[in-house]
């Protein structure tokens, strides 16, 4: 049994919220030896609380475009 932060992995797999927590941590802090399943990411996408950069990267990789808008909408002008 592998301890995943302050929860055991078996306990996380029992509930939907546990699966979301595990997936969030794998994306935000690295998956370790496991692989992140694309189907699970798509399934729980709206419930995932991800780092902004990770969210934008995954949007680009999965759907080929950004779905969320950037927080800073100001344009950069260089003279």
C-alpha atoms as a PDB file:
ATOM      1  CA  UNK A   1       0.000   0.000   0.000  1.00  0.00           C
ATOM      2  CA  UNK A   2       1.425   3.348  -1.036  1.00  0.00           C
ATOM      3  CA  UNK A   3       0.802   6.431   1.101  1.00  0.00           C
ATOM      4  CA  UNK A   4      -0.208   9.365  -1.079  1.00  0.00           C
ATOM      5  CA  UNK A   5       0.387  12.445   1.033  1.00  0.00           C
ATOM      6  CA  UNK A   6      -1.816  12.205   4.111  1.00  0.00           C
ATOM      7  CA  UNK A   7      -4.229   9.656   2.636  1.00  0.00           C
ATOM      8  CA  UNK A   8      -3.773   6.025   1.717  1.00  0.00           C
ATOM      9  CA  UNK A   9      -4.192   5.240  -1.958  1.00  0.00           C
ATOM     10  CA  UNK A  10      -6.853   2.598  -1.279  1.00  0.00           C
ATOM     11  CA  UNK A  11      -8.963   5.117   0.632  1.00  0.00           C
ATOM     12  CA  UNK A  12      -8.702   7.665  -2.198  1.00  0.00           C
ATOM     13  CA  UNK A  13      -9.888   5.150  -4.790  1.00  0.00           C
ATOM     14  CA  UNK A  14     -13.132   4.475  -2.889  1.00  0.00           C
ATOM     15  CA  UNK A  15     -14.835   7.792  -3.609  1.00  0.00           C
ATOM     16  CA  UNK A  16     -15.209  10.163  -6.526  1.00  0.00           C
ATOM     17  CA  UNK A  17     -13.776  13.076  -4.519  1.00  0.00           C
ATOM     18  CA  UNK A  18     -10.798  10.904  -3.594  1.00  0.00           C
ATOM     19  CA  UNK A  19     -10.115  10.136  -7.243  1.00  0.00           C
ATOM     20  CA  UNK A  20     -10.248  13.854  -8.025  1.00  0.00           C
ATOM     21  CA  UNK A  21      -7.789  14.636  -5.187  1.00  0.00           C
ATOM     22  CA  UNK A  22      -5.386  11.974  -6.367  1.00  0.00           C
ATOM     23  CA  UNK A  23      -5.579  13.177  -9.968  1.00  0.00           C
ATOM     24  CA  UNK A  24      -5.039  16.821  -8.919  1.00  0.00           C
ATOM     25  CA  UNK A  25      -1.947  15.902  -6.966  1.00  0.00           C
ATOM     26  CA  UNK A  26      -0.553  13.781  -9.777  1.00  0.00           C
ATOM     27  CA  UNK A  27      -0.927  16.686 -12.213  1.00  0.00           C
ATOM     28  CA  UNK A  28       0.248  19.468  -9.903  1.00  0.00           C
ATOM     29  CA  UNK A  29       3.179  17.652  -8.271  1.00  0.00           C
ATOM     30  CA  UNK A  30       4.123  14.937 -10.768  1.00  0.00           C
ATOM     31  CA  UNK A  31       2.744  11.448 -11.309  1.00  0.00           C
ATOM     32  CA  UNK A  32       5.726   9.536  -9.902  1.00  0.00           C
ATOM     33  CA  UNK A  33       5.853   6.073 -11.461  1.00  0.00           C
ATOM     34  CA  UNK A  34       2.178   6.021 -12.429  1.00  0.00           C
ATOM     35  CA  UNK A  35       0.773   7.362 -15.677  1.00  0.00           C
ATOM     36  CA  UNK A  36      -1.998   9.935 -15.754  1.00  0.00           C
ATOM     37  CA  UNK A  37      -5.003   8.534 -17.617  1.00  0.00           C
ATOM     38  CA  UNK A  38      -6.406  10.883 -20.248  1.00  0.00           C
ATOM     39  CA  UNK A  39      -9.912   9.498 -19.802  1.00  0.00           C
ATOM     40  CA  UNK A  40      -9.881  10.375 -16.095  1.00  0.00           C
ATOM     41  CA  UNK A  41      -8.579  13.879 -16.763  1.00  0.00           C
ATOM     42  CA  UNK A  42     -11.381  14.496 -19.269  1.00  0.00           C
ATOM     43  CA  UNK A  43     -13.985  12.938 -16.968  1.00  0.00           C
ATOM     44  CA  UNK A  44     -13.098  15.072 -13.923  1.00  0.00           C
ATOM     45  CA  UNK A  45     -11.853  18.189 -15.793  1.00  0.00           C
ATOM     46  CA  UNK A  46     -14.442  20.614 -14.373  1.00  0.00           C
ATOM     47  CA  UNK A  47     -13.791  19.416 -10.805  1.00  0.00           C
ATOM     48  CA  UNK A  48      -9.983  19.610 -10.911  1.00  0.00           C
ATOM     49  CA  UNK A  49      -8.339  22.421  -8.976  1.00  0.00           C
ATOM     50  CA  UNK A  50      -5.119  22.827 -10.957  1.00  0.00           C
ATOM     51  CA  UNK A  51      -2.228  25.214 -11.092  1.00  0.00           C
ATOM     52  CA  UNK A  52      -3.042  27.847 -13.759  1.00  0.00           C
ATOM     53  CA  UNK A  53      -0.097  26.918 -15.956  1.00  0.00           C
ATOM     54  CA  UNK A  54      -0.833  23.203 -15.683  1.00  0.00           C
ATOM     55  CA  UNK A  55      -4.488  23.799 -16.593  1.00  0.00           C
ATOM     56  CA  UNK A  56      -3.552  25.823 -19.682  1.00  0.00           C
ATOM     57  CA  UNK A  57      -0.958  23.251 -20.768  1.00  0.00           C
ATOM     58  CA  UNK A  58      -3.412  20.376 -20.400  1.00  0.00           C
ATOM     59  CA  UNK A  59      -6.076  22.314 -22.327  1.00  0.00           C
ATOM     60  CA  UNK A  60      -3.635  22.802 -25.159  1.00  0.00           C
ATOM     61  CA  UNK A  61      -2.486  19.172 -25.149  1.00  0.00           C
ATOM     62  CA  UNK A  62      -5.924  17.592 -24.817  1.00  0.00           C
ATOM     63  CA  UNK A  63      -8.159  19.830 -26.918  1.00  0.00           C
ATOM     64  CA  UNK A  64      -5.586  21.689 -29.036  1.00  0.00           C
ATOM     65  CA  UNK A  65      -6.791  25.100 -27.834  1.00  0.00           C
ATOM     66  CA  UNK A  66      -7.251  27.078 -24.652  1.00  0.00           C
ATOM     67  CA  UNK A  67     -10.693  26.828 -23.098  1.00  0.00           C
ATOM     68  CA  UNK A  68     -10.086  29.141 -20.168  1.00  0.00           C
ATOM     69  CA  UNK A  69      -9.318  32.784 -20.659  1.00  0.00           C
ATOM     70  CA  UNK A  70      -6.069  34.222 -19.336  1.00  0.00           C
ATOM     71  CA  UNK A  71      -6.334  36.209 -16.122  1.00  0.00           C
ATOM     72  CA  UNK A  72      -4.387  39.149 -17.533  1.00  0.00           C
ATOM     73  CA  UNK A  73      -6.074  40.462 -20.670  1.00  0.00           C
ATOM     74  CA  UNK A  74      -3.814  43.460 -21.112  1.00  0.00           C
ATOM     75  CA  UNK A  75      -1.843  43.535 -24.342  1.00  0.00           C
ATOM     76  CA  UNK A  76       1.872  43.938 -24.303  1.00  0.00           C
ATOM     77  CA  UNK A  77       3.147  46.690 -26.552  1.00  0.00           C
ATOM     78  CA  UNK A  78       6.845  47.005 -27.228  1.00  0.00           C
ATOM     79  CA  UNK A  79       8.140  50.250 -28.673  1.00  0.00           C
END
